[in-house]
C-alpha atoms as a PDB file:
ATOM      1  CA  UNK A   1      92.688 101.192 101.233  1.00  0.00           C
ATOM      2  CA  UNK A   2      95.629  99.499  99.492  1.00  0.00           C
ATOM      3  CA  UNK A   3      96.526 100.402  95.938  1.00  0.00           C
ATOM      4  CA  UNK A   4      96.587  97.872  93.098  1.00  0.00           C
ATOM      5  CA  UNK A   5      99.301  97.871  90.406  1.00  0.00           C
ATOM      6  CA  UNK A   6      98.434  95.880  87.455  1.00  0.00           C
ATOM      7  CA  UNK A   7     100.244  94.650  84.415  1.00  0.00           C
ATOM      8  CA  UNK A   8      98.666  93.397  81.211  1.00  0.00           C
ATOM      9  CA  UNK A   9     100.644  90.689  79.438  1.00  0.00           C
ATOM     10  CA  UNK A  10      99.305  89.207  76.261  1.00  0.00           C
ATOM     11  CA  UNK A  11      97.628  86.224  78.138  1.00  0.00           C
ATOM     12  CA  UNK A  12      95.968  87.672  81.109  1.00  0.00           C
ATOM     13  CA  UNK A  13      96.078  90.525  83.750  1.00  0.00           C
ATOM     14  CA  UNK A  14      98.297  89.955  86.634  1.00  0.00           C
ATOM     15  CA  UNK A  15      97.728  92.338  89.592  1.00  0.00           C
ATOM     16  CA  UNK A  16      99.711  92.861  92.739  1.00  0.00           C
ATOM     17  CA  UNK A  17      98.573  94.686  95.654  1.00  0.00           C
ATOM     18  CA  UNK A  18     100.971  96.842  97.623  1.00  0.00           C
ATOM     19  CA  UNK A  19     101.764  96.122 101.223  1.00  0.00           C
ATOM     20  CA  UNK A  20     100.611  99.377 102.538  1.00  0.00           C
ATOM     21  CA  UNK A  21      97.293 100.851 103.770  1.00  0.00           C
ATOM     22  CA  UNK A  22      96.830 104.468 104.778  1.00  0.00           C
ATOM     23  CA  UNK A  23      94.439 105.125 107.824  1.00  0.00           C
ATOM     24  CA  UNK A  24      93.349 108.092 109.650  1.00  0.00           C
ATOM     25  CA  UNK A  25      94.110 108.031 113.314  1.00  0.00           C
ATOM     26  CA  UNK A  26      92.128 109.296 116.379  1.00  0.00           C
ATOM     27  CA  UNK A  27      93.418 112.890 115.953  1.00  0.00           C
ATOM     28  CA  UNK A  28      93.199 113.197 112.168  1.00  0.00           C
ATOM     29  CA  UNK A  29      96.924 112.094 111.608  1.00  0.00           C
ATOM     30  CA  UNK A  30      97.445 109.790 108.745  1.00  0.00           C
ATOM     31  CA  UNK A  31      99.089 106.591 109.686  1.00  0.00           C
ATOM     32  CA  UNK A  32     100.715 104.019 107.165  1.00  0.00           C
ATOM     33  CA  UNK A  33      99.621 100.584 107.924  1.00  0.00           C
ATOM     34  CA  UNK A  34     101.593  97.389 106.752  1.00  0.00           C
ATOM     35  CA  UNK A  35     101.245  93.730 107.076  1.00  0.00           C
ATOM     36  CA  UNK A  36     103.842  92.207 109.388  1.00  0.00           C
ATOM     37  CA  UNK A  37     104.952  88.660 109.999  1.00  0.00           C
ATOM     38  CA  UNK A  38     105.611  88.181 113.725  1.00  0.00           C
ATOM     39  CA  UNK A  39     107.421  84.921 114.931  1.00  0.00           C
ATOM     40  CA  UNK A  40     106.418  84.473 118.540  1.00  0.00           C
ATOM     41  CA  UNK A  41     108.348  82.537 121.175  1.00  0.00           C
ATOM     42  CA  UNK A  42     106.232  81.784 124.307  1.00  0.00           C
ATOM     43  CA  UNK A  43     107.620  80.396 127.675  1.00  0.00           C
ATOM     44  CA  UNK A  44     105.337  78.847 130.119  1.00  0.00           C
ATOM     45  CA  UNK A  45     106.022  78.811 133.878  1.00  0.00           C
ATOM     46  CA  UNK A  46     103.614  76.248 135.531  1.00  0.00           C
ATOM     47  CA  UNK A  47     102.159  77.074 138.928  1.00  0.00           C
ATOM     48  CA  UNK A  48     100.688  73.580 139.441  1.00  0.00           C
ATOM     49  CA  UNK A  49     102.209  70.097 139.506  1.00  0.00           C
ATOM     50  CA  UNK A  50     102.028  67.900 136.291  1.00  0.00           C
ATOM     51  CA  UNK A  51      99.279  65.412 136.117  1.00  0.00           C
ATOM     52  CA  UNK A  52     100.223  61.851 137.174  1.00  0.00           C
ATOM     53  CA  UNK A  53      97.715  60.094 135.069  1.00  0.00           C
ATOM     54  CA  UNK A  54      97.782  59.518 131.303  1.00  0.00           C
ATOM     55  CA  UNK A  55     100.208  60.919 128.801  1.00  0.00           C
ATOM     56  CA  UNK A  56      99.596  64.612 129.464  1.00  0.00           C
ATOM     57  CA  UNK A  57     102.607  66.794 129.875  1.00  0.00           C
ATOM     58  CA  UNK A  58     103.207  70.334 130.650  1.00  0.00           C
ATOM     59  CA  UNK A  59     105.013  72.018 127.727  1.00  0.00           C
ATOM     60  CA  UNK A  60     108.060  74.439 128.673  1.00  0.00           C
ATOM     61  CA  UNK A  61     107.116  76.653 125.796  1.00  0.00           C
ATOM     62  CA  UNK A  62     106.166  77.100 122.041  1.00  0.00           C
ATOM     63  CA  UNK A  63     106.716  78.866 118.792  1.00  0.00           C
ATOM     64  CA  UNK A  64     104.100  80.203 116.500  1.00  0.00           C
ATOM     65  CA  UNK A  65     103.447  82.946 113.993  1.00  0.00           C
ATOM     66  CA  UNK A  66     100.946  85.683 113.238  1.00  0.00           C
ATOM     67  CA  UNK A  67     100.333  88.003 110.133  1.00  0.00           C
ATOM     68  CA  UNK A  68      99.066  91.389 111.544  1.00  0.00           C
ATOM     69  CA  UNK A  69      98.247  94.692 110.141  1.00  0.00           C
ATOM     70  CA  UNK A  70     100.049  97.414 112.261  1.00  0.00           C
ATOM     71  CA  UNK A  71     101.641 100.884 111.963  1.00  0.00           C
ATOM     72  CA  UNK A  72     104.948  99.487 112.952  1.00  0.00           C
ATOM     73  CA  UNK A  73     106.922  96.728 114.256  1.00  0.00           C
ATOM     74  CA  UNK A  74     106.438  97.411 117.914  1.00  0.00           C
ATOM     75  CA  UNK A  75     102.617  97.633 117.329  1.00  0.00           C
ATOM     76  CA  UNK A  76     102.736  94.462 115.332  1.00  0.00           C
ATOM     77  CA  UNK A  77     104.423  92.534 118.236  1.00  0.00           C
ATOM     78  CA  UNK A  78     101.754  93.905 120.561  1.00  0.00           C
ATOM     79  CA  UNK A  79      99.040  92.636 118.405  1.00  0.00           C
ATOM     80  CA  UNK A  80     100.469  89.269 117.753  1.00  0.00           C
ATOM     81  CA  UNK A  81     100.989  88.781 121.525  1.00  0.00           C
ATOM     82  CA  UNK A  82      97.371  89.680 122.288  1.00  0.00           C
ATOM     83  CA  UNK A  83      96.178  87.135 119.592  1.00  0.00           C
ATOM     84  CA  UNK A  84      98.478  84.426 120.793  1.00  0.00           C
ATOM     85  CA  UNK A  85      97.269  84.858 124.375  1.00  0.00           C
ATOM     86  CA  UNK A  86      93.695  84.761 123.397  1.00  0.00           C
ATOM     87  CA  UNK A  87      93.999  81.756 121.314  1.00  0.00           C
ATOM     88  CA  UNK A  88      96.076  79.886 123.679  1.00  0.00           C
ATOM     89  CA  UNK A  89      93.757  80.634 126.730  1.00  0.00           C
ATOM     90  CA  UNK A  90      90.665  79.705 124.545  1.00  0.00           C
ATOM     91  CA  UNK A  91      92.040  76.308 123.740  1.00  0.00           C
ATOM     92  CA  UNK A  92      93.673  75.388 127.132  1.00  0.00           C
ATOM     93  CA  UNK A  93      92.364  77.764 129.870  1.00  0.00           C
ATOM     94  CA  UNK A  94      95.971  77.598 131.302  1.00  0.00           C
ATOM     95  CA  UNK A  95      96.331  81.166 131.721  1.00  0.00           C
ATOM     96  CA  UNK A  96      92.902  82.302 132.941  1.00  0.00           C
ATOM     97  CA  UNK A  97      92.703  79.606 135.590  1.00  0.00           C
ATOM     98  CA  UNK A  98      96.219  80.579 136.971  1.00  0.00           C
ATOM     99  CA  UNK A  99      97.741  77.102 136.031  1.00  0.00           C
ATOM    100  CA  UNK A 100     100.651  78.872 134.094  1.00  0.00           C
ATOM    101  CA  UNK A 101     102.160  82.318 133.425  1.00  0.00           C
ATOM    102  CA  UNK A 102     103.217  83.087 130.002  1.00  0.00           C
ATOM    103  CA  UNK A 103     106.180  85.202 128.733  1.00  0.00           C
ATOM    104  CA  UNK A 104     105.985  86.291 125.026  1.00  0.00           C
ATOM    105  CA  UNK A 105     108.863  87.417 122.861  1.00  0.00           C
ATOM    106  CA  UNK A 106     109.035  88.429 119.266  1.00  0.00           C
ATOM    107  CA  UNK A 107     111.968  86.336 117.624  1.00  0.00           C
ATOM    108  CA  UNK A 108     111.365  88.021 114.328  1.00  0.00           C
ATOM    109  CA  UNK A 109     109.240  90.903 113.017  1.00  0.00           C
ATOM    110  CA  UNK A 110     109.295  91.881 109.442  1.00  0.00           C
ATOM    111  CA  UNK A 111     107.095  93.357 106.570  1.00  0.00           C
ATOM    112  CA  UNK A 112     104.975  90.806 104.549  1.00  0.00           C
ATOM    113  CA  UNK A 113     102.715  90.903 101.540  1.00  0.00           C
ATOM    114  CA  UNK A 114      99.202  92.248 102.368  1.00  0.00           C
ATOM    115  CA  UNK A 115      97.511  89.240 100.859  1.00  0.00           C
ATOM    116  CA  UNK A 116      98.876  87.192 103.805  1.00  0.00           C
ATOM    117  CA  UNK A 117      96.177  88.860 105.970  1.00  0.00           C
ATOM    118  CA  UNK A 118      93.480  87.381 103.682  1.00  0.00           C
ATOM    119  CA  UNK A 119      94.347  83.630 103.927  1.00  0.00           C
ATOM    120  CA  UNK A 120      93.177  81.631 106.850  1.00  0.00           C
ATOM    121  CA  UNK A 121      95.221  82.049 109.948  1.00  0.00           C
ATOM    122  CA  UNK A 122      97.261  79.110 111.080  1.00  0.00           C
ATOM    123  CA  UNK A 123      96.562  79.425 114.860  1.00  0.00           C
ATOM    124  CA  UNK A 124      98.757  76.319 115.763  1.00  0.00           C
ATOM    125  CA  UNK A 125     101.584  76.191 118.094  1.00  0.00           C
ATOM    126  CA  UNK A 126     104.620  74.223 118.106  1.00  0.00           C
ATOM    127  CA  UNK A 127     105.221  73.092 121.732  1.00  0.00           C
ATOM    128  CA  UNK A 128     108.446  71.818 123.258  1.00  0.00           C
END
């Protein structure tokens, strides 16, 4: 579990949680887990023609972000990619029905405060 460092000013206690967790791996090895911010850039390559009716369009790509708990930057990217794929397919079914192929790239990966994992996740995508 994470550790908590507290200061006690005269008015109230102010506590700050560290950004690290220690877990035991499959083979008994300790691993340091951290919260990471991952900015994801997704590119869509469409396998079907765009619809001709209505104001529906086929986006070329999108940006979104995820906060994940991981043992390193590479692992954080993989976890974020899986979450983005799952969320995107759940809302549009573009990937599972073969309408589009998705390429994901981590534009930015950096450590983030652990409390970011607690807040509700913004699963939105900014399409272009």
